[in-house]
Amino acid sequence: MNTTNPHALGACCALAVALGCTALAGCARPTVAATPTAQAAHLDDGSIEVAKNSPLRQRLQIAPALEQDIATQTDAPGSIEAMPEKLVKITPPLAGRITRLQRALGDSVKAGDPLFTLDSAELSAAYTDDSKARSALLQARQELERQKTLFEAEIAARKDYEAAQAAYDQAGSDAHASADKLAQYGASGRGSRRDYVLRSPIAGTVIAMEGAQGGYWNDINAPVMTVADLSTVWLSANVAEKDLAQVAVGQTSRITLDAWPGKAFAGKVAYVGAVLDAETRTVKVRVAIDNRAGTFKPGMFAHAGFAGASRRAIVVPAAAVLQSGLSTRVMVEHGPLRFEPRAVQVGASHGDQVEIVSGLKAGERIVVKEGVLLND
């Protein structure tokens, strides 16, 4: 009679199942390790060919290189300044106490308007000297007339007449000097007063105030206040030496201010400096700006843009220019899905466009977007 061991039968079945699973796994392994298809191939002549079934075909954008008129834009930093010939520091020509301030900081003034009044002992002394000089001149004139009468009547000697003539001439010179001194002060020659009123020599705005009412002012070199005509101001820009060829007197400039982001203003080049700063290698360029609206304040930071002469040039999108080590290249189409990496020399940038100086002709089709993928 045959007998069967149930434990041995179970072990045999388990072994058979394990061997079957191992065999199945071995059959499936080559499918998982399949090699993907290449997107582009580098050919022996240096060109790159895109596979027909490559997804790069949908991503690459191709367009012709264009030739158009461009102008090189030069930007220079600077600041707003009052025009020197329209800015006056008001300094009194004599010492005294400020008894009245007729104008305050920020006030508008016209030429001839009173600014402040000084109580000045020097002015009183000048009036006194003028009065004495005029009295001496009158006395000398009378003495000259008397000596002339006596000389003509042969009563007085010639030397007495000549002495009277010399005294009269000296008195006249002294009288003119005292009158000129009062005129320099801006005071009239009539009367004797201590009050000296200093008036504005120009129309403008009081932009600085140093004196205070009641204070004594004895420094005739220090300004009590400053008056400036800010209807026209200057932008003083520092233009680099290499960009000077783009700037000329009379040229229109595009101005931007840190205080007004997003806005642009126009000005005209009024002066190009004659001396180059040896340390910064820049030249001062002053741009005249209409400031009747009061937008520009002296001291503001600004930027001036200068457009050079227009010229014909080849331009491409900035995305078409690829940097490869020390060389700059573009991908030029040489046939369907075939491209040649070509070295080019770039010039100035104009927004999102780049000037191509050499290496590319107008009309040649290039990759203008995603060309970097051809280098992968």
Protein backbone atom coordinates (compact mmCIF):
# COMPACT_ATOMS: atom_id res chain seq x y z
CA MET A 1 0.00 0.00 0.00
CA ASN A 2 1.40 3.51 -1.03
CA THR A 3 1.47 6.21 1.63
CA THR A 4 1.83 10.02 1.02
CA ASN A 5 3.45 12.54 3.43
CA PRO A 6 1.29 15.71 3.45
CA HIS A 7 4.20 17.96 4.66
CA ALA A 8 6.45 16.89 1.78
CA LEU A 9 3.69 17.56 -0.74
CA GLY A 10 3.18 21.16 0.56
CA ALA A 11 6.88 21.95 0.31
CA CYS A 12 7.00 20.77 -3.31
CA CYS A 13 4.07 23.01 -4.27
CA ALA A 14 5.67 26.09 -2.65
CA LEU A 15 8.92 25.48 -4.49
CA ALA A 16 7.12 25.24 -7.83
CA VAL A 17 5.30 28.55 -7.26
CA ALA A 18 8.55 30.33 -6.32
CA LEU A 19 10.33 29.11 -9.45
CA GLY A 20 7.43 30.29 -11.63
CA CYS A 21 7.48 33.80 -10.18
CA THR A 22 11.24 34.04 -10.68
CA ALA A 23 10.91 33.06 -14.29
CA LEU A 24 8.22 35.67 -14.92
CA ALA A 25 10.28 38.39 -13.32
CA GLY A 26 13.26 37.55 -15.49
CA CYS A 27 11.17 37.81 -18.65
CA ALA A 28 9.82 41.26 -17.75
CA ARG A 29 13.22 42.91 -16.85
CA PRO A 30 14.33 43.95 -20.42
CA THR A 31 11.10 45.96 -20.93
CA VAL A 32 11.81 48.21 -17.86
CA ALA A 33 15.37 49.03 -19.00
CA ALA A 34 14.39 50.22 -22.52
CA THR A 35 16.55 53.19 -23.85
CA PRO A 36 14.68 56.51 -24.64
CA THR A 37 14.94 58.09 -28.10
CA ALA A 38 17.48 61.02 -28.45
CA GLN A 39 15.96 64.52 -29.15
CA ALA A 40 18.86 66.00 -31.18
CA ALA A 41 22.05 64.67 -32.77
CA HIS A 42 25.38 66.46 -33.25
CA LEU A 43 26.66 65.77 -36.78
CA ASP A 44 30.25 65.59 -37.98
CA ASP A 45 30.09 69.02 -39.68
CA GLY A 46 29.23 70.67 -36.34
CA SER A 47 25.52 71.17 -37.08
CA ILE A 48 22.70 69.91 -34.89
CA GLU A 49 19.78 67.89 -36.26
CA VAL A 50 16.50 67.54 -34.38
CA ALA A 51 14.80 64.16 -34.50
CA LYS A 52 11.48 64.09 -36.34
CA ASN A 53 9.62 62.72 -33.34
CA SER A 54 11.36 65.05 -30.84
CA PRO A 55 9.20 67.34 -28.69
CA LEU A 56 11.75 70.11 -29.44
CA ARG A 57 9.93 70.67 -32.74
CA GLN A 58 7.03 72.22 -30.83
CA ARG A 59 9.19 74.32 -28.48
CA LEU A 60 11.72 75.89 -30.86
CA GLN A 61 10.71 79.22 -32.42
CA ILE A 62 12.41 80.31 -35.64
CA ALA A 63 12.36 83.80 -37.22
CA PRO A 64 14.54 85.81 -39.62
CA ALA A 65 17.14 88.30 -38.37
CA LEU A 66 15.90 91.83 -39.07
CA GLU A 67 17.74 94.96 -40.20
CA GLN A 68 16.30 98.21 -38.88
CA ASP A 69 17.15 101.74 -37.80
CA ILE A 70 18.43 101.95 -34.21
CA ALA A 71 19.99 104.62 -32.01
CA THR A 72 22.41 103.89 -29.18
CA GLN A 73 20.98 104.99 -25.83
CA THR A 74 23.40 106.37 -23.26
CA ASP A 75 22.36 106.78 -19.63
CA ALA A 76 24.16 108.92 -17.05
CA PRO A 77 23.46 109.60 -13.36
CA GLY A 78 23.20 113.13 -12.06
CA SER A 79 21.36 115.57 -9.81
CA ILE A 80 19.14 118.63 -10.13
CA GLU A 81 20.81 122.01 -9.61
CA ALA A 82 19.70 125.63 -9.70
CA MET A 83 21.22 127.60 -12.58
CA PRO A 84 24.19 129.58 -11.15
CA GLU A 85 23.26 132.77 -13.00
CA LYS A 86 19.77 132.59 -11.48
CA LEU A 87 20.80 131.97 -7.87
CA VAL A 88 21.80 134.90 -5.64
CA LYS A 89 23.08 134.70 -2.08
CA ILE A 90 21.88 137.88 -0.40
CA THR A 91 24.73 139.28 1.70
CA PRO A 92 24.44 142.77 3.27
CA PRO A 93 27.32 145.11 2.34
CA LEU A 94 27.46 146.49 5.91
CA ALA A 95 26.95 145.25 9.46
CA GLY A 96 23.84 145.88 11.51
CA ARG A 97 20.93 144.43 13.46
CA ILE A 98 18.11 142.79 11.50
CA THR A 99 15.05 144.74 12.57
CA ARG A 100 12.61 143.25 10.07
CA LEU A 101 12.32 140.29 7.70
CA GLN A 102 10.01 141.26 4.86
CA ARG A 103 10.17 137.80 3.25
CA ALA A 104 10.10 134.27 4.68
CA LEU A 105 11.42 130.94 3.44
CA GLY A 106 9.50 129.81 0.34
CA ASP A 107 8.11 133.25 -0.52
CA SER A 108 8.07 134.39 -4.14
CA VAL A 109 9.68 137.76 -4.82
CA LYS A 110 10.03 140.17 -7.72
CA ALA A 111 13.12 142.15 -8.64
CA GLY A 112 13.26 145.18 -6.34
CA ASP A 113 11.09 143.72 -3.57
CA PRO A 114 12.40 144.41 -0.02
CA LEU A 115 13.86 141.34 1.70
CA PHE A 116 15.02 142.56 5.12
CA THR A 117 15.89 145.77 7.01
CA LEU A 118 19.06 146.47 8.98
CA ASP A 119 19.63 149.07 11.67
CA SER A 120 23.19 150.00 10.73
CA ALA A 121 25.54 152.48 12.35
CA GLU A 122 27.81 152.13 9.31
CA LEU A 123 25.02 153.44 7.10
CA SER A 124 24.53 156.41 9.40
CA ALA A 125 28.27 157.15 9.23
CA ALA A 126 28.17 156.92 5.43
CA TYR A 127 25.32 159.42 5.29
CA THR A 128 27.26 161.74 7.63
CA ASP A 129 30.37 161.54 5.45
CA ASP A 130 28.30 162.31 2.38
CA SER A 131 26.72 165.32 4.05
CA LYS A 132 30.14 166.64 5.06
CA ALA A 133 31.50 166.12 1.58
CA ARG A 134 28.63 168.00 -0.03
CA SER A 135 29.03 170.89 2.45
CA ALA A 136 32.76 171.05 1.76
CA LEU A 137 32.07 171.08 -1.99
CA LEU A 138 29.65 174.00 -1.59
CA GLN A 139 32.15 175.94 0.49
CA ALA A 140 34.95 175.25 -2.00
CA ARG A 141 32.78 176.43 -4.88
CA GLN A 142 32.00 179.70 -3.11
CA GLU A 143 35.68 180.25 -2.30
CA LEU A 144 36.61 179.57 -5.93
CA GLU A 145 34.09 182.10 -7.20
CA ARG A 146 35.36 184.73 -4.70
CA GLN A 147 39.00 184.19 -5.65
CA LYS A 148 38.11 184.33 -9.32
CA THR A 149 36.42 187.72 -8.87
CA LEU A 150 39.39 189.07 -6.90
CA PHE A 151 41.88 187.72 -9.44
CA GLU A 152 40.03 189.26 -12.38
CA ALA A 153 39.99 192.59 -10.50
CA GLU A 154 43.74 192.22 -9.99
CA ILE A 155 43.24 192.27 -6.22
CA ALA A 156 44.21 188.66 -5.41
CA ALA A 157 47.31 186.85 -6.55
CA ARG A 158 47.19 184.07 -9.15
CA LYS A 159 48.44 181.52 -6.63
CA ASP A 160 45.41 182.17 -4.40
CA TYR A 161 43.06 181.62 -7.32
CA GLU A 162 44.86 178.42 -8.29
CA ALA A 163 44.75 177.14 -4.69
CA ALA A 164 41.01 177.74 -4.61
CA GLN A 165 40.64 175.84 -7.90
CA ALA A 166 42.59 172.85 -6.50
CA ALA A 167 40.55 172.84 -3.27
CA TYR A 168 37.34 172.85 -5.29
CA ASP A 169 38.52 169.92 -7.41
CA GLN A 170 39.46 167.92 -4.28
CA ALA A 171 36.09 168.67 -2.65
CA GLY A 172 34.31 167.51 -5.79
CA SER A 173 36.25 164.25 -5.79
CA ASP A 174 35.39 163.62 -2.13
CA ALA A 175 31.71 164.33 -2.77
CA HIS A 176 31.63 161.87 -5.68
CA ALA A 177 33.32 159.18 -3.54
CA SER A 178 30.80 159.51 -0.72
CA ALA A 179 27.89 159.44 -3.18
CA ASP A 180 29.33 156.36 -4.88
CA LYS A 181 29.61 154.62 -1.50
CA LEU A 182 25.93 155.22 -0.78
CA ALA A 183 25.06 154.06 -4.29
CA GLN A 184 27.02 150.84 -3.70
CA TYR A 185 24.96 150.25 -0.58
CA GLY A 186 21.84 150.85 -2.63
CA ALA A 187 20.87 153.86 -0.54
CA SER A 188 19.93 157.30 -1.77
CA GLY A 189 21.98 160.40 -0.98
CA ARG A 190 19.14 162.21 0.71
CA GLY A 191 18.78 162.54 4.46
CA SER A 192 20.55 160.65 7.23
CA ARG A 193 19.06 157.36 8.36
CA ARG A 194 20.13 154.16 10.08
CA ASP A 195 17.62 151.84 8.39
CA TYR A 196 19.05 149.96 5.43
CA VAL A 197 16.59 148.00 3.26
CA LEU A 198 18.14 145.28 1.11
CA ARG A 199 16.10 144.45 -2.02
CA SER A 200 16.04 141.39 -4.26
CA PRO A 201 18.14 141.77 -7.42
CA ILE A 202 16.14 139.07 -9.29
CA ALA A 203 12.68 137.56 -9.39
CA GLY A 204 12.46 134.13 -7.83
CA THR A 205 11.85 132.23 -4.60
CA VAL A 206 13.52 132.43 -1.19
CA ILE A 207 15.10 128.96 -0.96
CA ALA A 208 17.33 129.46 2.10
CA MET A 209 17.12 131.60 5.24
CA GLU A 210 20.01 132.08 7.65
CA GLY A 211 19.16 135.28 9.51
CA ALA A 212 16.59 135.88 12.23
CA GLN A 213 14.77 139.05 13.21
CA GLY A 214 16.58 140.81 16.05
CA GLY A 215 19.92 139.16 15.34
CA TYR A 216 23.09 141.17 14.74
CA TRP A 217 24.77 140.47 11.40
CA ASN A 218 28.41 141.47 11.18
CA ASP A 219 29.76 139.01 8.56
CA ILE A 220 29.35 140.72 5.19
CA ASN A 221 30.53 137.53 3.42
CA ALA A 222 27.76 135.31 4.85
CA PRO A 223 24.31 135.35 3.16
CA VAL A 224 21.24 136.23 5.22
CA MET A 225 19.03 134.47 2.66
CA THR A 226 19.21 132.97 -0.84
CA VAL A 227 16.91 133.81 -3.75
CA ALA A 228 16.75 131.58 -6.84
CA ASP A 229 14.75 131.60 -10.05
CA LEU A 230 13.79 127.92 -10.42
CA SER A 231 11.58 128.30 -13.50
CA THR A 232 14.45 126.63 -15.37
CA VAL A 233 16.85 124.23 -13.64
CA TRP A 234 19.81 122.11 -14.67
CA LEU A 235 20.34 118.40 -14.52
CA SER A 236 24.08 118.00 -14.00
CA ALA A 237 24.93 114.53 -15.36
CA ASN A 238 28.23 112.65 -15.25
CA VAL A 239 28.73 111.18 -18.74
CA ALA A 240 31.38 108.49 -19.16
CA GLU A 241 34.30 109.24 -21.48
CA LYS A 242 33.35 106.40 -23.84
CA ASP A 243 29.83 107.82 -24.31
CA LEU A 244 30.77 111.43 -25.11
CA ALA A 245 30.29 110.88 -28.85
CA GLN A 246 26.57 110.38 -28.18
CA VAL A 247 26.10 113.81 -26.54
CA ALA A 248 25.92 117.26 -28.19
CA VAL A 249 24.63 120.74 -27.31
CA GLY A 250 20.99 121.16 -28.36
CA GLN A 251 20.27 117.43 -28.14
CA THR A 252 17.03 116.33 -26.45
CA SER A 253 17.47 114.24 -23.30
CA ARG A 254 15.06 111.82 -21.60
CA ILE A 255 15.04 112.43 -17.84
CA THR A 256 13.85 110.16 -15.03
CA LEU A 257 13.75 111.00 -11.33
CA ASP A 258 14.02 108.77 -8.29
CA ALA A 259 11.24 110.90 -6.77
CA TRP A 260 8.86 110.16 -9.69
CA PRO A 261 9.30 106.50 -10.67
CA GLY A 262 7.63 105.48 -13.92
CA LYS A 263 7.57 109.04 -15.32
CA ALA A 264 9.84 110.54 -17.96
CA PHE A 265 10.53 114.20 -18.70
CA ALA A 266 12.28 116.04 -21.53
CA GLY A 267 15.21 118.45 -21.41
CA LYS A 268 17.77 119.94 -23.77
CA VAL A 269 21.56 119.72 -23.49
CA ALA A 270 22.79 123.24 -22.75
CA TYR A 271 26.45 122.61 -21.97
CA VAL A 272 29.04 119.84 -22.40
CA GLY A 273 32.02 120.23 -20.06
CA ALA A 274 35.39 121.14 -21.51
CA VAL A 275 37.38 119.23 -18.87
CA LEU A 276 37.44 115.49 -18.13
CA ASP A 277 37.54 114.38 -14.49
CA ALA A 278 40.73 112.30 -14.34
CA GLU A 279 39.53 110.22 -11.38
CA THR A 280 36.04 109.26 -12.55
CA ARG A 281 36.73 109.52 -16.33
CA THR A 282 33.49 111.49 -16.74
CA VAL A 283 32.48 114.88 -18.13
CA LYS A 284 29.83 117.18 -16.67
CA VAL A 285 26.88 117.62 -19.03
CA ARG A 286 24.17 120.11 -18.06
CA VAL A 287 20.63 119.66 -19.33
CA ALA A 288 18.21 122.60 -19.13
CA ILE A 289 14.73 121.65 -17.87
CA ASP A 290 11.52 123.69 -17.87
CA ASN A 291 10.50 123.77 -14.19
CA ARG A 292 7.63 126.23 -14.14
CA ALA A 293 5.46 123.51 -12.54
CA GLY A 294 7.97 123.16 -9.69
CA THR A 295 8.43 119.41 -10.19
CA PHE A 296 12.23 119.48 -9.99
CA LYS A 297 13.88 120.35 -6.67
CA PRO A 298 17.60 121.17 -6.44
CA GLY A 299 19.41 118.21 -4.92
CA MET A 300 17.14 115.51 -6.39
CA PHE A 301 18.83 112.44 -7.88
CA ALA A 302 18.06 111.89 -11.57
CA HIS A 303 19.15 110.01 -14.69
CA ALA A 304 19.63 111.48 -18.16
CA GLY A 305 19.26 109.42 -21.33
CA PHE A 306 20.92 110.53 -24.56
CA ALA A 307 20.02 108.94 -27.91
CA GLY A 308 22.83 108.81 -30.48
CA ALA A 309 22.46 109.21 -34.24
CA SER A 310 20.22 106.66 -35.96
CA ARG A 311 21.88 103.90 -38.01
CA ARG A 312 20.99 100.66 -39.80
CA ALA A 313 21.84 97.48 -37.90
CA ILE A 314 20.86 93.82 -37.58
CA VAL A 315 18.92 93.08 -34.38
CA VAL A 316 17.70 89.82 -32.87
CA PRO A 317 15.73 89.00 -29.70
CA ALA A 318 17.94 88.76 -26.62
CA ALA A 319 16.72 85.15 -26.10
CA ALA A 320 18.33 84.16 -29.41
CA VAL A 321 21.84 84.97 -28.15
CA LEU A 322 23.53 82.05 -26.37
CA GLN A 323 26.66 82.28 -24.25
CA SER A 324 28.99 79.29 -24.58
CA GLY A 325 32.18 79.75 -22.60
CA LEU A 326 33.94 82.82 -23.99
CA SER A 327 31.99 82.82 -27.27
CA THR A 328 28.56 84.21 -28.11
CA ARG A 329 26.49 82.21 -30.60
CA VAL A 330 23.14 82.01 -32.35
CA MET A 331 21.51 78.92 -33.90
CA VAL A 332 21.15 79.45 -37.67
CA GLU A 333 18.72 77.27 -39.62
CA HIS A 334 20.45 75.27 -42.40
CA GLY A 335 17.57 73.07 -43.43
CA PRO A 336 14.47 71.43 -41.99
CA LEU A 337 15.21 70.65 -38.34
CA ARG A 338 18.93 71.29 -38.86
CA PHE A 339 20.84 74.15 -37.20
CA GLU A 340 24.37 75.53 -37.21
CA PRO A 341 25.83 77.13 -34.04
CA ARG A 342 27.46 80.33 -35.30
CA ALA A 343 29.70 82.72 -33.36
CA VAL A 344 28.59 86.37 -33.53
CA GLN A 345 29.73 89.72 -32.12
CA VAL A 346 27.05 91.63 -30.26
CA GLY A 347 26.70 95.39 -29.84
CA ALA A 348 24.37 97.53 -27.76
CA SER A 349 21.13 96.31 -26.24
CA HIS A 350 17.86 98.06 -27.09
CA GLY A 351 15.15 96.85 -24.74
CA ASP A 352 14.60 93.14 -25.46
CA GLN A 353 16.60 93.38 -28.72
CA VAL A 354 20.36 92.94 -29.21
CA GLU A 355 22.44 94.41 -32.02
CA ILE A 356 24.54 91.94 -34.01
CA VAL A 357 27.74 93.62 -35.21
CA SER A 358 29.14 90.68 -37.22
CA GLY A 359 28.56 86.98 -37.93
CA LEU A 360 24.98 87.20 -39.16
CA LYS A 361 23.23 88.56 -42.25
CA ALA A 362 19.80 90.13 -42.49
CA GLY A 363 17.13 87.60 -43.43
CA GLU A 364 18.92 84.51 -42.10
CA ARG A 365 16.56 82.39 -40.03
CA ILE A 366 17.62 81.73 -36.47
CA VAL A 367 16.20 80.13 -33.33
CA VAL A 368 14.76 83.03 -31.34
CA LYS A 369 13.42 81.01 -28.39
CA GLU A 370 14.48 77.85 -26.54
CA GLY A 371 17.70 77.62 -28.56
CA VAL A 372 19.55 76.73 -25.36
CA LEU A 373 17.89 73.31 -25.48
CA LEU A 374 19.95 72.42 -28.57
CA ASN A 375 23.08 72.57 -26.43
CA ASP A 376 21.79 69.92 -24.01
